[in-house]
PDB file of N, CA and C in Angstrom:
ATOM      1  N   MET A   1     -42.618  -5.988  46.200  1.00  0.00           N
ATOM      2  CA  MET A   1     -43.797  -5.596  45.959  1.00  0.00           C
ATOM      3  C   MET A   1     -43.607  -4.661  44.228  1.00  0.00           C
ATOM      4  N   SER A   2     -44.197  -4.446  43.280  1.00  0.00           N
ATOM      5  CA  SER A   2     -44.570  -3.879  42.477  1.00  0.00           C
ATOM      6  C   SER A   2     -44.889  -2.426  42.386  1.00  0.00           C
ATOM      7  N   VAL A   3     -44.278  -1.147  42.368  1.00  0.00           N
ATOM      8  CA  VAL A   3     -44.462   0.139  42.284  1.00  0.00           C
ATOM      9  C   VAL A   3     -44.704   0.307  40.933  1.00  0.00           C
ATOM     10  N   THR A   4     -45.854   1.221  40.640  1.00  0.00           N
ATOM     11  CA  THR A   4     -45.549   1.353  39.275  1.00  0.00           C
ATOM     12  C   THR A   4     -46.440   3.357  39.530  1.00  0.00           C
ATOM     13  N   LYS A   5     -46.095   3.616  38.037  1.00  0.00           N
ATOM     14  CA  LYS A   5     -46.163   5.040  37.690  1.00  0.00           C
ATOM     15  C   LYS A   5     -46.823   5.714  36.665  1.00  0.00           C
ATOM     16  N   ASP A   6     -47.903   6.406  37.141  1.00  0.00           N
ATOM     17  CA  ASP A   6     -48.777   6.837  35.534  1.00  0.00           C
ATOM     18  C   ASP A   6     -47.504   8.422  34.849  1.00  0.00           C
ATOM     19  N   TYR A   7     -47.858   8.112  34.208  1.00  0.00           N
ATOM     20  CA  TYR A   7     -46.686   9.099  33.281  1.00  0.00           C
ATOM     21  C   TYR A   7     -47.735   9.920  32.708  1.00  0.00           C
ATOM     22  N   THR A   8     -47.833  11.653  32.428  1.00  0.00           N
ATOM     23  CA  THR A   8     -48.494  12.324  31.654  1.00  0.00           C
ATOM     24  C   THR A   8     -48.452  11.668  30.150  1.00  0.00           C
ATOM     25  N   LEU A   9     -49.075  12.041  28.955  1.00  0.00           N
ATOM     26  CA  LEU A   9     -48.491  12.726  27.864  1.00  0.00           C
ATOM     27  C   LEU A   9     -47.510  13.710  27.684  1.00  0.00           C
ATOM     28  N   GLN A  10     -47.117  14.045  28.376  1.00  0.00           N
ATOM     29  CA  GLN A  10     -46.302  15.240  28.184  1.00  0.00           C
ATOM     30  C   GLN A  10     -45.408  14.867  29.000  1.00  0.00           C
ATOM     31  N   GLN A  11     -45.017  13.950  29.883  1.00  0.00           N
ATOM     32  CA  GLN A  11     -43.914  13.444  31.035  1.00  0.00           C
ATOM     33  C   GLN A  11     -43.481  12.759  29.602  1.00  0.00           C
ATOM     34  N   LEU A  12     -44.264  11.629  28.938  1.00  0.00           N
ATOM     35  CA  LEU A  12     -43.672  10.481  27.833  1.00  0.00           C
ATOM     36  C   LEU A  12     -42.991  11.184  26.678  1.00  0.00           C
ATOM     37  N   ALA A  13     -43.119  12.206  26.206  1.00  0.00           N
ATOM     38  CA  ALA A  13     -43.206  13.418  24.732  1.00  0.00           C
ATOM     39  C   ALA A  13     -41.602  13.577  25.806  1.00  0.00           C
ATOM     40  N   GLU A  14     -41.935  14.605  27.182  1.00  0.00           N
ATOM     41  CA  GLU A  14     -40.206  14.629  27.135  1.00  0.00           C
ATOM     42  C   GLU A  14     -39.291  14.625  27.518  1.00  0.00           C
ATOM     43  N   GLY A  15     -39.969  12.853  27.687  1.00  0.00           N
ATOM     44  CA  GLY A  15     -38.716  11.645  27.915  1.00  0.00           C
ATOM     45  C   GLY A  15     -38.400  11.234  26.830  1.00  0.00           C
ATOM     46  N   LEU A  16     -38.849  11.179  25.962  1.00  0.00           N
ATOM     47  CA  LEU A  16     -38.027  10.841  24.302  1.00  0.00           C
ATOM     48  C   LEU A  16     -37.177  11.154  23.942  1.00  0.00           C
ATOM     49  N   PRO A  17     -36.278  10.095  23.715  1.00  0.00           N
ATOM     50  CA  PRO A  17     -34.664  10.605  23.267  1.00  0.00           C
ATOM     51  C   PRO A  17     -34.902  11.019  21.458  1.00  0.00           C
ATOM     52  N   LYS A  18     -33.693  11.627  21.684  1.00  0.00           N
ATOM     53  CA  LYS A  18     -33.548  12.662  19.655  1.00  0.00           C
ATOM     54  C   LYS A  18     -33.687  11.728  19.376  1.00  0.00           C
ATOM     55  N   SER A  19     -32.964  10.152  19.546  1.00  0.00           N
ATOM     56  CA  SER A  19     -32.926   9.180  18.801  1.00  0.00           C
ATOM     57  C   SER A  19     -34.487   8.708  18.289  1.00  0.00           C
ATOM     58  N   LEU A  20     -34.578   9.030  19.135  1.00  0.00           N
ATOM     59  CA  LEU A  20     -36.456   8.387  18.309  1.00  0.00           C
ATOM     60  C   LEU A  20     -37.359   9.350  17.997  1.00  0.00           C
ATOM     61  N   LEU A  21     -36.841  10.244  18.228  1.00  0.00           N
ATOM     62  CA  LEU A  21     -38.042  11.836  17.334  1.00  0.00           C
ATOM     63  C   LEU A  21     -37.221  11.835  15.769  1.00  0.00           C
ATOM     64  N   ASN A  22     -35.880  11.618  15.861  1.00  0.00           N
ATOM     65  CA  ASN A  22     -35.664  11.366  14.460  1.00  0.00           C
ATOM     66  C   ASN A  22     -35.690  10.064  13.993  1.00  0.00           C
ATOM     67  N   ALA A  23     -36.227   9.117  14.580  1.00  0.00           N
ATOM     68  CA  ALA A  23     -36.543   7.881  14.009  1.00  0.00           C
ATOM     69  C   ALA A  23     -36.979   8.249  12.112  1.00  0.00           C
ATOM     70  N   SER A  24     -36.390   6.891  11.428  1.00  0.00           N
ATOM     71  CA  SER A  24     -37.206   6.774  10.516  1.00  0.00           C
ATOM     72  C   SER A  24     -38.576   6.259  10.739  1.00  0.00           C
ATOM     73  N   ASP A  25     -39.053   5.905   9.774  1.00  0.00           N
ATOM     74  CA  ASP A  25     -40.751   5.656   9.495  1.00  0.00           C
ATOM     75  C   ASP A  25     -40.683   4.112   9.673  1.00  0.00           C
ATOM     76  N   GLN A  26     -40.271   3.690   9.336  1.00  0.00           N
ATOM     77  CA  GLN A  26     -39.947   1.741   9.217  1.00  0.00           C
ATOM     78  C   GLN A  26     -39.667   1.782  10.935  1.00  0.00           C
ATOM     79  N   GLU A  27     -38.496   2.133  11.267  1.00  0.00           N
ATOM     80  CA  GLU A  27     -38.548   2.178  12.585  1.00  0.00           C
ATOM     81  C   GLU A  27     -39.182   2.651  13.450  1.00  0.00           C
ATOM     82  N   LEU A  28     -40.271   3.373  13.549  1.00  0.00           N
ATOM     83  CA  LEU A  28     -41.078   4.339  14.279  1.00  0.00           C
ATOM     84  C   LEU A  28     -42.605   2.942  14.047  1.00  0.00           C
ATOM     85  N   GLN A  29     -41.862   2.423  12.703  1.00  0.00           N
ATOM     86  CA  GLN A  29     -43.191   0.764  12.816  1.00  0.00           C
ATOM     87  C   GLN A  29     -43.044   0.292  13.818  1.00  0.00           C
ATOM     88  N   GLY A  30     -42.311  -0.028  13.778  1.00  0.00           N
ATOM     89  CA  GLY A  30     -41.213  -1.366  14.787  1.00  0.00           C
ATOM     90  C   GLY A  30     -41.353  -0.882  16.360  1.00  0.00           C
ATOM     91  N   PHE A  31     -41.299   1.003  16.515  1.00  0.00           N
ATOM     92  CA  PHE A  31     -41.430   0.602  18.023  1.00  0.00           C
ATOM     93  C   PHE A  31     -42.741   0.313  18.172  1.00  0.00           C
ATOM     94  N   GLN A  32     -43.587   0.861  17.379  1.00  0.00           N
ATOM     95  CA  GLN A  32     -45.614   0.973  17.481  1.00  0.00           C
ATOM     96  C   GLN A  32     -45.656  -0.345  17.735  1.00  0.00           C
ATOM     97  N   MET A  33     -45.395  -1.336  16.811  1.00  0.00           N
ATOM     98  CA  MET A  33     -45.516  -2.886  17.138  1.00  0.00           C
ATOM     99  C   MET A  33     -44.780  -3.495  18.501  1.00  0.00           C
ATOM    100  N   ILE A  34     -43.706  -2.849  19.348  1.00  0.00           N
ATOM    101  CA  ILE A  34     -43.577  -2.934  20.785  1.00  0.00           C
ATOM    102  C   ILE A  34     -44.250  -2.511  21.487  1.00  0.00           C
ATOM    103  N   ILE A  35     -45.002  -1.458  21.174  1.00  0.00           N
ATOM    104  CA  ILE A  35     -45.780  -0.824  22.144  1.00  0.00           C
ATOM    105  C   ILE A  35     -47.030  -1.328  21.804  1.00  0.00           C
ATOM    106  N   ASP A  36     -47.081  -1.558  21.148  1.00  0.00           N
ATOM    107  CA  ASP A  36     -48.751  -2.907  21.152  1.00  0.00           C
ATOM    108  C   ASP A  36     -48.865  -3.958  21.205  1.00  0.00           C
ATOM    109  N   GLU A  37     -47.443  -5.084  21.694  1.00  0.00           N
ATOM    110  CA  GLU A  37     -47.486  -5.838  22.335  1.00  0.00           C
ATOM    111  C   GLU A  37     -47.410  -6.107  23.598  1.00  0.00           C
ATOM    112  N   THR A  38     -46.486  -4.577  24.166  1.00  0.00           N
ATOM    113  CA  THR A  38     -46.784  -4.438  25.001  1.00  0.00           C
ATOM    114  C   THR A  38     -47.994  -3.829  26.414  1.00  0.00           C
ATOM    115  N   ILE A  39     -48.672  -3.543  25.186  1.00  0.00           N
ATOM    116  CA  ILE A  39     -50.309  -3.371  26.203  1.00  0.00           C
ATOM    117  C   ILE A  39     -51.483  -4.725  26.052  1.00  0.00           C
ATOM    118  N   LYS A  40     -50.808  -5.035  24.863  1.00  0.00           N
ATOM    119  CA  LYS A  40     -51.272  -6.523  24.782  1.00  0.00           C
ATOM    120  C   LYS A  40     -51.085  -7.615  25.905  1.00  0.00           C
ATOM    121  N   LEU A  41     -49.589  -7.376  25.966  1.00  0.00           N
ATOM    122  CA  LEU A  41     -49.329  -8.448  27.778  1.00  0.00           C
ATOM    123  C   LEU A  41     -49.422  -7.988  28.705  1.00  0.00           C
ATOM    124  N   ARG A  42     -49.853  -6.497  28.856  1.00  0.00           N
ATOM    125  CA  ARG A  42     -50.185  -5.563  30.148  1.00  0.00           C
ATOM    126  C   ARG A  42     -51.897  -6.264  29.952  1.00  0.00           C
ATOM    127  N   GLU A  43     -52.308  -6.211  29.363  1.00  0.00           N
ATOM    128  CA  GLU A  43     -53.785  -6.515  29.552  1.00  0.00           C
ATOM    129  C   GLU A  43     -54.039  -7.849  29.741  1.00  0.00           C
ATOM    130  N   GLY A  44     -53.599  -8.838  29.346  1.00  0.00           N
ATOM    131  CA  GLY A  44     -53.238  -9.710  29.408  1.00  0.00           C
ATOM    132  C   GLY A  44     -52.667 -10.419  30.791  1.00  0.00           C
ATOM    133  N   HIS A  45     -51.840  -9.526  31.358  1.00  0.00           N
ATOM    134  CA  HIS A  45     -51.226  -9.764  32.724  1.00  0.00           C
ATOM    135  C   HIS A  45     -52.542  -9.087  34.008  1.00  0.00           C
ATOM    136  N   ARG A  46     -53.643  -7.872  33.460  1.00  0.00           N
ATOM    137  CA  ARG A  46     -54.463  -7.782  34.245  1.00  0.00           C
ATOM    138  C   ARG A  46     -55.805  -8.192  34.264  1.00  0.00           C
ATOM    139  N   ASN A  47     -56.124  -9.483  33.028  1.00  0.00           N
ATOM    140  CA  ASN A  47     -56.576 -10.634  33.320  1.00  0.00           C
ATOM    141  C   ASN A  47     -56.432 -11.656  33.956  1.00  0.00           C
ATOM    142  N   LEU A  48     -55.236 -12.246  33.778  1.00  0.00           N
ATOM    143  CA  LEU A  48     -54.388 -12.857  34.658  1.00  0.00           C
ATOM    144  C   LEU A  48     -54.580 -12.958  36.233  1.00  0.00           C
ATOM    145  N   GLN A  49     -54.484 -11.872  36.284  1.00  0.00           N
ATOM    146  CA  GLN A  49     -54.639 -11.743  37.864  1.00  0.00           C
ATOM    147  C   GLN A  49     -56.144 -11.784  38.083  1.00  0.00           C
ATOM    148  N   LYS A  50     -57.346 -11.252  37.437  1.00  0.00           N
ATOM    149  CA  LYS A  50     -58.705 -11.239  37.908  1.00  0.00           C
ATOM    150  C   LYS A  50     -59.077 -12.730  37.858  1.00  0.00           C
ATOM    151  N   LEU A  51     -58.389 -13.391  36.991  1.00  0.00           N
ATOM    152  CA  LEU A  51     -58.599 -15.135  36.485  1.00  0.00           C
ATOM    153  C   LEU A  51     -58.310 -15.735  38.331  1.00  0.00           C
ATOM    154  N   ILE A  52     -57.183 -15.779  38.481  1.00  0.00           N
ATOM    155  CA  ILE A  52     -56.546 -15.809  39.966  1.00  0.00           C
ATOM    156  C   ILE A  52     -57.139 -15.354  40.732  1.00  0.00           C
ATOM    157  N   LYS A  53     -58.136 -14.229  41.072  1.00  0.00           N
ATOM    158  CA  LYS A  53     -58.626 -13.791  42.415  1.00  0.00           C
ATOM    159  C   LYS A  53     -59.948 -14.629  42.133  1.00  0.00           C
ATOM    160  N   SER A  54     -60.801 -14.961  41.235  1.00  0.00           N
ATOM    161  CA  SER A  54     -61.833 -15.319  40.769  1.00  0.00           C
ATOM    162  C   SER A  54     -61.628 -16.282  41.300  1.00  0.00           C
ATOM    163  N   PHE A  55     -60.492 -17.258  41.162  1.00  0.00           N
ATOM    164  CA  PHE A  55     -60.222 -18.512  41.327  1.00  0.00           C
ATOM    165  C   PHE A  55     -60.152 -18.876  42.638  1.00  0.00           C
ATOM    166  N   SER A  56     -59.700 -17.791  43.099  1.00  0.00           N
ATOM    167  CA  SER A  56     -58.972 -18.026  44.853  1.00  0.00           C
ATOM    168  C   SER A  56     -60.320 -17.512  45.563  1.00  0.00           C
ATOM    169  N   THR A  57     -61.254 -16.760  45.354  1.00  0.00           N
ATOM    170  CA  THR A  57     -62.568 -16.157  46.208  1.00  0.00           C
ATOM    171  C   THR A  57     -63.480 -17.962  45.691  1.00  0.00           C
ATOM    172  N   ALA A  58     -63.491 -17.983  44.802  1.00  0.00           N
ATOM    173  CA  ALA A  58     -64.026 -19.270  44.577  1.00  0.00           C
ATOM    174  C   ALA A  58     -63.262 -20.592  45.137  1.00  0.00           C
ATOM    175  N   GLN A  59     -62.939 -20.700  45.233  1.00  0.00           N
ATOM    176  CA  GLN A  59     -61.918 -21.646  46.089  1.00  0.00           C
ATOM    177  C   GLN A  59     -62.116 -21.783  48.102  1.00  0.00           C
ATOM    178  N   ILE A  60     -61.854 -20.372  47.845  1.00  0.00           N
ATOM    179  CA  ILE A  60     -63.226 -19.864  49.366  1.00  0.00           C
ATOM    180  C   ILE A  60     -64.183 -19.969  49.710  1.00  0.00           C
ATOM    181  N   GLN A  61     -65.155 -19.388  49.373  1.00  0.00           N
ATOM    182  CA  GLN A  61     -66.621 -19.761  48.866  1.00  0.00           C
ATOM    183  C   GLN A  61     -66.475 -21.817  49.749  1.00  0.00           C
ATOM    184  N   ARG A  62     -65.997 -22.178  48.851  1.00  0.00           N
ATOM    185  CA  ARG A  62     -66.033 -24.045  48.633  1.00  0.00           C
ATOM    186  C   ARG A  62     -65.733 -24.575  50.140  1.00  0.00           C
ATOM    187  N   THR A  63     -65.111 -23.588  50.614  1.00  0.00           N
ATOM    188  CA  THR A  63     -64.133 -24.357  51.893  1.00  0.00           C
ATOM    189  C   THR A  63     -65.408 -24.093  52.954  1.00  0.00           C
TER     190      THR A  63
END
């Protein structure tokens, strides 16, 4: 069972380590790339779940 927790922007900002706050522009660009890819992965996972649910529902209706 997966547990998700939604964070507010303030909670995220407060949780940032000082090393990230003091990071160089290049380091921040790398971090941004990781965030962007994480968002794509999450969206892909949601889309996959929708496809599986749709497929399962279609299979049940055919039987």
